[in-house]
């Protein structure tokens, strides 16, 4: 009986270990929640050029051939009309603002709807900002870049990106300014912001660039479907500053440098009408 009990305990522990490892493997594909383990400083032991060496599971940051961001040059873009519009089916959801060390993330808790790409559905998980922009257009960088991160079945991921230049205030960021200013004075890394409607994020264009890339932070997971909206929207200098100050880091940038395109095809969707 004692031997049987021991075998049962060993069996249970084995199953627990397998489940734990499986969970870790699944979660490792997503973006790192705590970003204090790396930074954006040049010539630094934790800077972008060293990300792939910091952890074995981050090796794709150094050796991956489909990395993001990239420069969207006119010469390498194929204009197409078959991709279809960005079919966004978003809905209001409770959300929290989270300081991840190098950026501010707005994480949805109740299901904020989805986007449909090539008949495949991706659920909106979170959004965050980079300044200056990570993607460039014909070598030009912009003041701010928004990433709306979606996830589908089997860990498939899609990111919708909006670029911003300095100009008029962005109404969506303006709706969060009080919460962002409040978190600047808080020691806690998270703050509930109630119900947020992602439909309030203005895109303003049916045209977008499409290519296959990666997450722009460790573990730099590849095979991410990117949709970069062609229209550049506007944001104020104050709004950019609020997003950066709330992070509590000492850096002027949280943008990964542009990566090699390596023969990838970049499409620009333009409706026939």
C-alpha atoms as a PDB file:
ATOM      1  CA  UNK A   1       0.000   0.000   0.000  1.00  0.00           C
ATOM      2  CA  UNK A   2       2.865   2.348   0.867  1.00  0.00           C
ATOM      3  CA  UNK A   3       4.533   1.603  -2.469  1.00  0.00           C
ATOM      4  CA  UNK A   4       1.285   2.307  -4.285  1.00  0.00           C
ATOM      5  CA  UNK A   5       0.950   5.670  -2.509  1.00  0.00           C
ATOM      6  CA  UNK A   6       4.460   6.665  -3.508  1.00  0.00           C
ATOM      7  CA  UNK A   7       3.772   5.735  -7.134  1.00  0.00           C
ATOM      8  CA  UNK A   8       0.605   7.838  -7.058  1.00  0.00           C
ATOM      9  CA  UNK A   9       2.490  10.842  -5.703  1.00  0.00           C
ATOM     10  CA  UNK A  10       5.194  10.458  -8.362  1.00  0.00           C
ATOM     11  CA  UNK A  11       2.520  10.204 -11.083  1.00  0.00           C
ATOM     12  CA  UNK A  12       0.764  13.362  -9.859  1.00  0.00           C
ATOM     13  CA  UNK A  13       4.035  15.306  -9.674  1.00  0.00           C
ATOM     14  CA  UNK A  14       4.962  14.159 -13.192  1.00  0.00           C
ATOM     15  CA  UNK A  15       1.627  15.318 -14.629  1.00  0.00           C
ATOM     16  CA  UNK A  16       1.967  18.666 -12.805  1.00  0.00           C
ATOM     17  CA  UNK A  17       5.453  19.164 -14.244  1.00  0.00           C
ATOM     18  CA  UNK A  18       4.285  18.403 -17.791  1.00  0.00           C
ATOM     19  CA  UNK A  19       1.360  20.822 -17.490  1.00  0.00           C
ATOM     20  CA  UNK A  20       3.612  23.527 -16.039  1.00  0.00           C
ATOM     21  CA  UNK A  21       6.145  23.155 -18.836  1.00  0.00           C
ATOM     22  CA  UNK A  22       3.410  23.214 -21.462  1.00  0.00           C
ATOM     23  CA  UNK A  23       1.952  26.403 -19.984  1.00  0.00           C
ATOM     24  CA  UNK A  24       5.372  28.021 -19.923  1.00  0.00           C
ATOM     25  CA  UNK A  25       5.939  27.071 -23.558  1.00  0.00           C
ATOM     26  CA  UNK A  26       2.665  28.661 -24.615  1.00  0.00           C
ATOM     27  CA  UNK A  27       3.183  31.878 -22.647  1.00  0.00           C
ATOM     28  CA  UNK A  28       6.765  32.262 -23.899  1.00  0.00           C
ATOM     29  CA  UNK A  29       5.483  33.165 -27.371  1.00  0.00           C
ATOM     30  CA  UNK A  30       3.849  36.385 -26.147  1.00  0.00           C
ATOM     31  CA  UNK A  31       5.519  39.641 -25.226  1.00  0.00           C
ATOM     32  CA  UNK A  32       7.469  39.821 -21.979  1.00  0.00           C
ATOM     33  CA  UNK A  33       5.258  41.293 -19.249  1.00  0.00           C
ATOM     34  CA  UNK A  34       8.160  42.601 -17.149  1.00  0.00           C
ATOM     35  CA  UNK A  35      10.502  44.473 -19.453  1.00  0.00           C
ATOM     36  CA  UNK A  36      13.144  45.374 -16.837  1.00  0.00           C
ATOM     37  CA  UNK A  37      15.347  42.533 -18.090  1.00  0.00           C
ATOM     38  CA  UNK A  38      16.288  44.381 -21.273  1.00  0.00           C
ATOM     39  CA  UNK A  39      16.625  47.966 -22.488  1.00  0.00           C
ATOM     40  CA  UNK A  40      16.973  50.112 -25.603  1.00  0.00           C
ATOM     41  CA  UNK A  41      20.434  51.575 -24.963  1.00  0.00           C
ATOM     42  CA  UNK A  42      23.057  51.315 -27.692  1.00  0.00           C
ATOM     43  CA  UNK A  43      26.323  49.574 -26.811  1.00  0.00           C
ATOM     44  CA  UNK A  44      24.825  48.184 -23.613  1.00  0.00           C
ATOM     45  CA  UNK A  45      24.806  44.631 -22.280  1.00  0.00           C
ATOM     46  CA  UNK A  46      21.007  44.607 -22.315  1.00  0.00           C
ATOM     47  CA  UNK A  47      20.513  46.675 -25.487  1.00  0.00           C
ATOM     48  CA  UNK A  48      18.750  45.542 -28.707  1.00  0.00           C
ATOM     49  CA  UNK A  49      21.870  44.062 -30.289  1.00  0.00           C
ATOM     50  CA  UNK A  50      22.283  41.801 -27.222  1.00  0.00           C
ATOM     51  CA  UNK A  51      18.665  40.673 -26.689  1.00  0.00           C
ATOM     52  CA  UNK A  52      19.263  37.354 -28.415  1.00  0.00           C
ATOM     53  CA  UNK A  53      22.097  36.522 -26.001  1.00  0.00           C
ATOM     54  CA  UNK A  54      20.337  37.371 -22.723  1.00  0.00           C
ATOM     55  CA  UNK A  55      18.215  34.199 -22.517  1.00  0.00           C
ATOM     56  CA  UNK A  56      18.083  30.976 -24.561  1.00  0.00           C
ATOM     57  CA  UNK A  57      14.374  31.536 -25.235  1.00  0.00           C
ATOM     58  CA  UNK A  58      15.189  34.977 -26.669  1.00  0.00           C
ATOM     59  CA  UNK A  59      17.640  33.693 -29.288  1.00  0.00           C
ATOM     60  CA  UNK A  60      15.278  34.580 -32.145  1.00  0.00           C
ATOM     61  CA  UNK A  61      15.992  38.276 -31.424  1.00  0.00           C
ATOM     62  CA  UNK A  62      19.495  37.677 -32.728  1.00  0.00           C
ATOM     63  CA  UNK A  63      19.153  34.954 -35.343  1.00  0.00           C
ATOM     64  CA  UNK A  64      15.609  35.387 -36.702  1.00  0.00           C
ATOM     65  CA  UNK A  65      15.305  36.310 -40.381  1.00  0.00           C
ATOM     66  CA  UNK A  66      11.745  37.672 -40.185  1.00  0.00           C
ATOM     67  CA  UNK A  67      12.210  40.311 -37.504  1.00  0.00           C
ATOM     68  CA  UNK A  68      10.323  43.546 -36.923  1.00  0.00           C
ATOM     69  CA  UNK A  69      10.238  46.499 -37.293  1.00  0.00           C
ATOM     70  CA  UNK A  70      11.250  47.200 -40.895  1.00  0.00           C
ATOM     71  CA  UNK A  71      11.516  50.202 -43.190  1.00  0.00           C
ATOM     72  CA  UNK A  72       8.545  50.398 -45.564  1.00  0.00           C
ATOM     73  CA  UNK A  73      10.290  51.589 -48.710  1.00  0.00           C
ATOM     74  CA  UNK A  74       8.314  52.374 -51.843  1.00  0.00           C
ATOM     75  CA  UNK A  75      10.741  50.297 -53.906  1.00  0.00           C
ATOM     76  CA  UNK A  76       9.969  47.074 -52.028  1.00  0.00           C
ATOM     77  CA  UNK A  77       6.182  47.487 -51.730  1.00  0.00           C
ATOM     78  CA  UNK A  78       3.755  45.605 -53.994  1.00  0.00           C
ATOM     79  CA  UNK A  79       0.384  47.348 -54.379  1.00  0.00           C
ATOM     80  CA  UNK A  80      -2.518  44.875 -54.194  1.00  0.00           C
ATOM     81  CA  UNK A  81      -6.296  44.967 -53.824  1.00  0.00           C
ATOM     82  CA  UNK A  82      -7.050  41.356 -52.848  1.00  0.00           C
ATOM     83  CA  UNK A  83      -6.218  41.515 -49.136  1.00  0.00           C
ATOM     84  CA  UNK A  84      -9.487  43.192 -48.171  1.00  0.00           C
ATOM     85  CA  UNK A  85     -10.258  45.784 -45.540  1.00  0.00           C
ATOM     86  CA  UNK A  86      -9.229  45.517 -41.908  1.00  0.00           C
ATOM     87  CA  UNK A  87     -12.430  44.035 -40.504  1.00  0.00           C
ATOM     88  CA  UNK A  88     -12.364  45.205 -36.904  1.00  0.00           C
ATOM     89  CA  UNK A  89     -15.141  43.930 -34.647  1.00  0.00           C
ATOM     90  CA  UNK A  90     -14.222  45.515 -31.322  1.00  0.00           C
ATOM     91  CA  UNK A  91     -16.354  46.014 -28.223  1.00  0.00           C
ATOM     92  CA  UNK A  92     -16.005  47.764 -24.845  1.00  0.00           C
ATOM     93  CA  UNK A  93     -14.049  45.897 -22.175  1.00  0.00           C
ATOM     94  CA  UNK A  94     -12.684  46.473 -18.701  1.00  0.00           C
ATOM     95  CA  UNK A  95      -9.007  47.332 -18.900  1.00  0.00           C
ATOM     96  CA  UNK A  96      -5.945  48.092 -16.817  1.00  0.00           C
ATOM     97  CA  UNK A  97      -2.956  50.331 -17.489  1.00  0.00           C
ATOM     98  CA  UNK A  98       0.262  48.476 -16.758  1.00  0.00           C
ATOM     99  CA  UNK A  99       3.799  49.815 -16.533  1.00  0.00           C
ATOM    100  CA  UNK A 100       6.006  47.127 -18.135  1.00  0.00           C
ATOM    101  CA  UNK A 101       9.294  48.900 -17.482  1.00  0.00           C
ATOM    102  CA  UNK A 102       9.817  50.391 -20.934  1.00  0.00           C
ATOM    103  CA  UNK A 103       6.279  51.016 -22.128  1.00  0.00           C
ATOM    104  CA  UNK A 104       2.709  51.516 -20.944  1.00  0.00           C
ATOM    105  CA  UNK A 105       0.313  48.721 -21.854  1.00  0.00           C
ATOM    106  CA  UNK A 106      -3.480  48.891 -21.873  1.00  0.00           C
ATOM    107  CA  UNK A 107      -4.578  45.313 -21.212  1.00  0.00           C
ATOM    108  CA  UNK A 108      -8.164  44.217 -21.840  1.00  0.00           C
ATOM    109  CA  UNK A 109      -9.727  41.873 -19.281  1.00  0.00           C
ATOM    110  CA  UNK A 110     -13.202  40.940 -20.541  1.00  0.00           C
ATOM    111  CA  UNK A 111     -12.695  40.351 -24.243  1.00  0.00           C
ATOM    112  CA  UNK A 112     -12.461  43.429 -26.451  1.00  0.00           C
ATOM    113  CA  UNK A 113     -13.499  41.859 -29.727  1.00  0.00           C
ATOM    114  CA  UNK A 114     -11.460  40.735 -32.692  1.00  0.00           C
ATOM    115  CA  UNK A 115     -10.086  41.357 -36.153  1.00  0.00           C
ATOM    116  CA  UNK A 116     -10.494  39.071 -39.137  1.00  0.00           C
ATOM    117  CA  UNK A 117      -7.521  38.495 -41.440  1.00  0.00           C
ATOM    118  CA  UNK A 118      -7.801  36.086 -44.367  1.00  0.00           C
ATOM    119  CA  UNK A 119     -10.757  34.387 -42.708  1.00  0.00           C
ATOM    120  CA  UNK A 120      -8.864  33.853 -39.451  1.00  0.00           C
ATOM    121  CA  UNK A 121     -10.020  35.516 -36.240  1.00  0.00           C
ATOM    122  CA  UNK A 122      -7.600  37.197 -33.850  1.00  0.00           C
ATOM    123  CA  UNK A 123      -8.775  38.435 -30.426  1.00  0.00           C
ATOM    124  CA  UNK A 124      -7.570  41.858 -29.234  1.00  0.00           C
ATOM    125  CA  UNK A 125      -5.451  41.325 -26.106  1.00  0.00           C
ATOM    126  CA  UNK A 126      -3.685  44.603 -25.409  1.00  0.00           C
ATOM    127  CA  UNK A 127      -2.231  47.731 -26.904  1.00  0.00           C
ATOM    128  CA  UNK A 128       0.874  49.774 -26.137  1.00  0.00           C
ATOM    129  CA  UNK A 129       2.960  52.628 -27.531  1.00  0.00           C
ATOM    130  CA  UNK A 130       6.531  53.139 -28.742  1.00  0.00           C
ATOM    131  CA  UNK A 131       8.261  56.481 -29.194  1.00  0.00           C
ATOM    132  CA  UNK A 132       9.718  57.326 -31.580  1.00  0.00           C
ATOM    133  CA  UNK A 133       8.083  54.960 -34.056  1.00  0.00           C
ATOM    134  CA  UNK A 134       9.661  51.562 -34.657  1.00  0.00           C
ATOM    135  CA  UNK A 135       8.548  51.191 -38.280  1.00  0.00           C
ATOM    136  CA  UNK A 136       9.799  53.813 -40.699  1.00  0.00           C
ATOM    137  CA  UNK A 137       8.480  54.837 -44.125  1.00  0.00           C
ATOM    138  CA  UNK A 138      11.162  55.519 -46.743  1.00  0.00           C
ATOM    139  CA  UNK A 139      13.599  56.004 -43.874  1.00  0.00           C
ATOM    140  CA  UNK A 140      11.401  58.492 -42.036  1.00  0.00           C
ATOM    141  CA  UNK A 141      10.676  57.960 -38.355  1.00  0.00           C
ATOM    142  CA  UNK A 142       7.586  59.321 -36.597  1.00  0.00           C
ATOM    143  CA  UNK A 143       6.830  60.633 -33.115  1.00  0.00           C
ATOM    144  CA  UNK A 144       4.789  57.676 -31.870  1.00  0.00           C
ATOM    145  CA  UNK A 145       3.630  54.193 -32.826  1.00  0.00           C
ATOM    146  CA  UNK A 146       0.635  52.291 -31.480  1.00  0.00           C
ATOM    147  CA  UNK A 147       0.595  48.483 -31.450  1.00  0.00           C
ATOM    148  CA  UNK A 148      -2.737  46.677 -31.098  1.00  0.00           C
ATOM    149  CA  UNK A 149      -1.779  43.090 -30.286  1.00  0.00           C
ATOM    150  CA  UNK A 150      -4.154  40.274 -31.245  1.00  0.00           C
ATOM    151  CA  UNK A 151      -3.918  36.540 -30.695  1.00  0.00           C
ATOM    152  CA  UNK A 152      -5.676  33.660 -32.469  1.00  0.00           C
ATOM    153  CA  UNK A 153      -5.776  29.915 -32.023  1.00  0.00           C
ATOM    154  CA  UNK A 154      -2.520  27.952 -31.802  1.00  0.00           C
ATOM    155  CA  UNK A 155      -0.673  31.065 -30.646  1.00  0.00           C
ATOM    156  CA  UNK A 156      -0.976  32.861 -33.988  1.00  0.00           C
ATOM    157  CA  UNK A 157      -0.523  36.611 -33.565  1.00  0.00           C
ATOM    158  CA  UNK A 158      -1.428  39.762 -35.493  1.00  0.00           C
ATOM    159  CA  UNK A 159      -0.530  43.378 -34.785  1.00  0.00           C
ATOM    160  CA  UNK A 160      -2.323  46.436 -36.144  1.00  0.00           C
ATOM    161  CA  UNK A 161      -0.113  49.524 -36.113  1.00  0.00           C
ATOM    162  CA  UNK A 162      -0.869  53.243 -36.296  1.00  0.00           C
ATOM    163  CA  UNK A 163       1.870  55.848 -36.807  1.00  0.00           C
ATOM    164  CA  UNK A 164       1.642  59.416 -35.441  1.00  0.00           C
ATOM    165  CA  UNK A 165       3.368  62.698 -36.206  1.00  0.00           C
ATOM    166  CA  UNK A 166       3.281  65.851 -34.067  1.00  0.00           C
ATOM    167  CA  UNK A 167       0.118  67.892 -34.577  1.00  0.00           C
ATOM    168  CA  UNK A 168      -3.372  67.902 -33.117  1.00  0.00           C
ATOM    169  CA  UNK A 169      -4.196  65.836 -30.051  1.00  0.00           C
ATOM    170  CA  UNK A 170      -5.227  62.208 -30.471  1.00  0.00           C
ATOM    171  CA  UNK A 171      -8.690  61.823 -28.945  1.00  0.00           C
ATOM    172  CA  UNK A 172      -8.142  58.249 -27.676  1.00  0.00           C
ATOM    173  CA  UNK A 173      -4.937  59.122 -25.816  1.00  0.00           C
ATOM    174  CA  UNK A 174      -6.643  62.265 -24.525  1.00  0.00           C
ATOM    175  CA  UNK A 175      -9.354  60.078 -22.950  1.00  0.00           C
ATOM    176  CA  UNK A 176      -6.607  58.314 -20.947  1.00  0.00           C
ATOM    177  CA  UNK A 177      -4.490  61.344 -19.985  1.00  0.00           C
ATOM    178  CA  UNK A 178      -5.815  61.617 -16.408  1.00  0.00           C
ATOM    179  CA  UNK A 179      -5.153  57.919 -15.776  1.00  0.00           C
ATOM    180  CA  UNK A 180      -1.683  58.170 -17.314  1.00  0.00           C
ATOM    181  CA  UNK A 181      -0.845  61.222 -15.199  1.00  0.00           C
ATOM    182  CA  UNK A 182      -2.163  59.423 -12.102  1.00  0.00           C
ATOM    183  CA  UNK A 183       0.020  56.361 -12.674  1.00  0.00           C
ATOM    184  CA  UNK A 184       3.046  58.661 -13.015  1.00  0.00           C
ATOM    185  CA  UNK A 185       2.744  59.480  -9.311  1.00  0.00           C
ATOM    186  CA  UNK A 186       2.039  55.897  -8.227  1.00  0.00           C
ATOM    187  CA  UNK A 187       4.543  53.325  -7.083  1.00  0.00           C
ATOM    188  CA  UNK A 188       2.223  50.532  -8.200  1.00  0.00           C
ATOM    189  CA  UNK A 189       2.687  49.283 -11.746  1.00  0.00           C
ATOM    190  CA  UNK A 190      -1.001  48.818 -12.546  1.00  0.00           C
ATOM    191  CA  UNK A 191      -4.168  50.907 -12.481  1.00  0.00           C
ATOM    192  CA  UNK A 192      -7.719  49.942 -13.389  1.00  0.00           C
ATOM    193  CA  UNK A 193      -9.215  52.367 -15.914  1.00  0.00           C
ATOM    194  CA  UNK A 194     -12.723  50.935 -16.138  1.00  0.00           C
ATOM    195  CA  UNK A 195     -14.390  50.162 -19.458  1.00  0.00           C
ATOM    196  CA  UNK A 196     -12.504  51.129 -22.621  1.00  0.00           C
ATOM    197  CA  UNK A 197     -13.914  50.947 -26.144  1.00  0.00           C
ATOM    198  CA  UNK A 198     -11.188  50.153 -28.727  1.00  0.00           C
ATOM    199  CA  UNK A 199     -13.523  51.404 -31.467  1.00  0.00           C
ATOM    200  CA  UNK A 200     -12.555  54.897 -30.305  1.00  0.00           C
ATOM    201  CA  UNK A 201      -9.085  54.398 -31.755  1.00  0.00           C
ATOM    202  CA  UNK A 202      -9.151  56.266 -35.052  1.00  0.00           C
ATOM    203  CA  UNK A 203      -7.400  54.747 -38.033  1.00  0.00           C
ATOM    204  CA  UNK A 204      -8.786  56.946 -40.804  1.00  0.00           C
ATOM    205  CA  UNK A 205      -7.605  54.932 -43.791  1.00  0.00           C
ATOM    206  CA  UNK A 206      -8.468  51.717 -45.575  1.00  0.00           C
ATOM    207  CA  UNK A 207      -4.929  51.455 -46.935  1.00  0.00           C
ATOM    208  CA  UNK A 208      -2.340  49.487 -44.983  1.00  0.00           C
ATOM    209  CA  UNK A 209       1.000  47.714 -45.370  1.00  0.00           C
ATOM    210  CA  UNK A 210       1.023  43.956 -44.748  1.00  0.00           C
ATOM    211  CA  UNK A 211       4.007  41.740 -44.094  1.00  0.00           C
ATOM    212  CA  UNK A 212       5.081  38.816 -41.895  1.00  0.00           C
ATOM    213  CA  UNK A 213       7.424  39.730 -39.065  1.00  0.00           C
ATOM    214  CA  UNK A 214       7.958  39.298 -35.341  1.00  0.00           C
ATOM    215  CA  UNK A 215       7.246  40.810 -31.972  1.00  0.00           C
ATOM    216  CA  UNK A 216       9.492  43.856 -31.492  1.00  0.00           C
ATOM    217  CA  UNK A 217      10.342  42.924 -27.889  1.00  0.00           C
ATOM    218  CA  UNK A 218      11.748  39.669 -26.496  1.00  0.00           C
ATOM    219  CA  UNK A 219      11.223  36.824 -27.188  1.00  0.00           C
ATOM    220  CA  UNK A 220      10.889  38.311 -30.718  1.00  0.00           C
ATOM    221  CA  UNK A 221       8.510  35.521 -31.782  1.00  0.00           C
ATOM    222  CA  UNK A 222       8.195  35.296 -35.576  1.00  0.00           C
ATOM    223  CA  UNK A 223       5.312  34.608 -37.984  1.00  0.00           C
ATOM    224  CA  UNK A 224       3.398  37.618 -36.690  1.00  0.00           C
ATOM    225  CA  UNK A 225       1.036  39.201 -39.236  1.00  0.00           C
ATOM    226  CA  UNK A 226       1.609  42.952 -39.325  1.00  0.00           C
ATOM    227  CA  UNK A 227      -0.861  45.513 -40.686  1.00  0.00           C
ATOM    228  CA  UNK A 228       0.622  49.029 -40.631  1.00  0.00           C
ATOM    229  CA  UNK A 229      -2.000  51.668 -41.422  1.00  0.00           C
ATOM    230  CA  UNK A 230      -0.873  53.895 -44.302  1.00  0.00           C
ATOM    231  CA  UNK A 231      -2.369  57.143 -42.964  1.00  0.00           C
ATOM    232  CA  UNK A 232      -0.168  58.908 -40.420  1.00  0.00           C
ATOM    233  CA  UNK A 233      -2.283  60.414 -37.663  1.00  0.00           C
ATOM    234  CA  UNK A 234      -1.373  63.214 -35.228  1.00  0.00           C
ATOM    235  CA  UNK A 235      -0.505  63.467 -31.562  1.00  0.00           C
ATOM    236  CA  UNK A 236       0.768  66.339 -29.396  1.00  0.00           C
ATOM    237  CA  UNK A 237       4.231  66.547 -27.866  1.00  0.00           C
ATOM    238  CA  UNK A 238       2.554  66.598 -24.462  1.00  0.00           C
ATOM    239  CA  UNK A 239       0.785  63.308 -25.159  1.00  0.00           C
ATOM    240  CA  UNK A 240       4.027  61.640 -26.221  1.00  0.00           C
ATOM    241  CA  UNK A 241       5.722  62.978 -23.084  1.00  0.00           C
ATOM    242  CA  UNK A 242       2.925  61.692 -20.843  1.00  0.00           C
ATOM    243  CA  UNK A 243       3.321  58.181 -22.257  1.00  0.00           C
ATOM    244  CA  UNK A 244       7.091  58.255 -21.735  1.00  0.00           C
ATOM    245  CA  UNK A 245       7.121  59.886 -18.263  1.00  0.00           C
ATOM    246  CA  UNK A 246       4.630  57.356 -16.901  1.00  0.00           C
ATOM    247  CA  UNK A 247       7.115  54.563 -17.618  1.00  0.00           C
ATOM    248  CA  UNK A 248       9.610  55.787 -14.986  1.00  0.00           C
ATOM    249  CA  UNK A 249      12.696  54.829 -16.996  1.00  0.00           C
ATOM    250  CA  UNK A 250      15.648  57.049 -17.864  1.00  0.00           C
ATOM    251  CA  UNK A 251      15.568  56.569 -21.627  1.00  0.00           C
ATOM    252  CA  UNK A 252      14.418  58.807 -24.452  1.00  0.00           C
ATOM    253  CA  UNK A 253      13.373  55.902 -26.652  1.00  0.00           C
ATOM    254  CA  UNK A 254      11.653  52.538 -26.458  1.00  0.00           C
ATOM    255  CA  UNK A 255      11.899  51.770 -30.159  1.00  0.00           C
ATOM    256  CA  UNK A 256      13.756  48.748 -31.501  1.00  0.00           C
ATOM    257  CA  UNK A 257      15.991  49.607 -34.485  1.00  0.00           C
ATOM    258  CA  UNK A 258      14.823  48.686 -37.996  1.00  0.00           C
ATOM    259  CA  UNK A 259      15.636  45.066 -38.938  1.00  0.00           C
ATOM    260  CA  UNK A 260      16.767  43.512 -42.218  1.00  0.00           C
ATOM    261  CA  UNK A 261      13.907  42.654 -44.585  1.00  0.00           C
ATOM    262  CA  UNK A 262      15.663  39.507 -45.925  1.00  0.00           C
ATOM    263  CA  UNK A 263      13.684  39.007 -49.158  1.00  0.00           C
ATOM    264  CA  UNK A 264      10.301  39.321 -47.479  1.00  0.00           C
ATOM    265  CA  UNK A 265       7.388  40.607 -49.531  1.00  0.00           C
ATOM    266  CA  UNK A 266       5.622  43.760 -48.333  1.00  0.00           C
ATOM    267  CA  UNK A 267       2.140  44.460 -49.691  1.00  0.00           C
ATOM    268  CA  UNK A 268       0.262  47.746 -49.693  1.00  0.00           C
ATOM    269  CA  UNK A 269      -3.476  47.156 -49.741  1.00  0.00           C
ATOM    270  CA  UNK A 270      -5.302  49.740 -51.830  1.00  0.00           C
ATOM    271  CA  UNK A 271      -9.029  49.270 -52.598  1.00  0.00           C
ATOM    272  CA  UNK A 272      -9.978  49.249 -56.282  1.00  0.00           C
ATOM    273  CA  UNK A 273     -12.606  51.946 -55.659  1.00  0.00           C
END
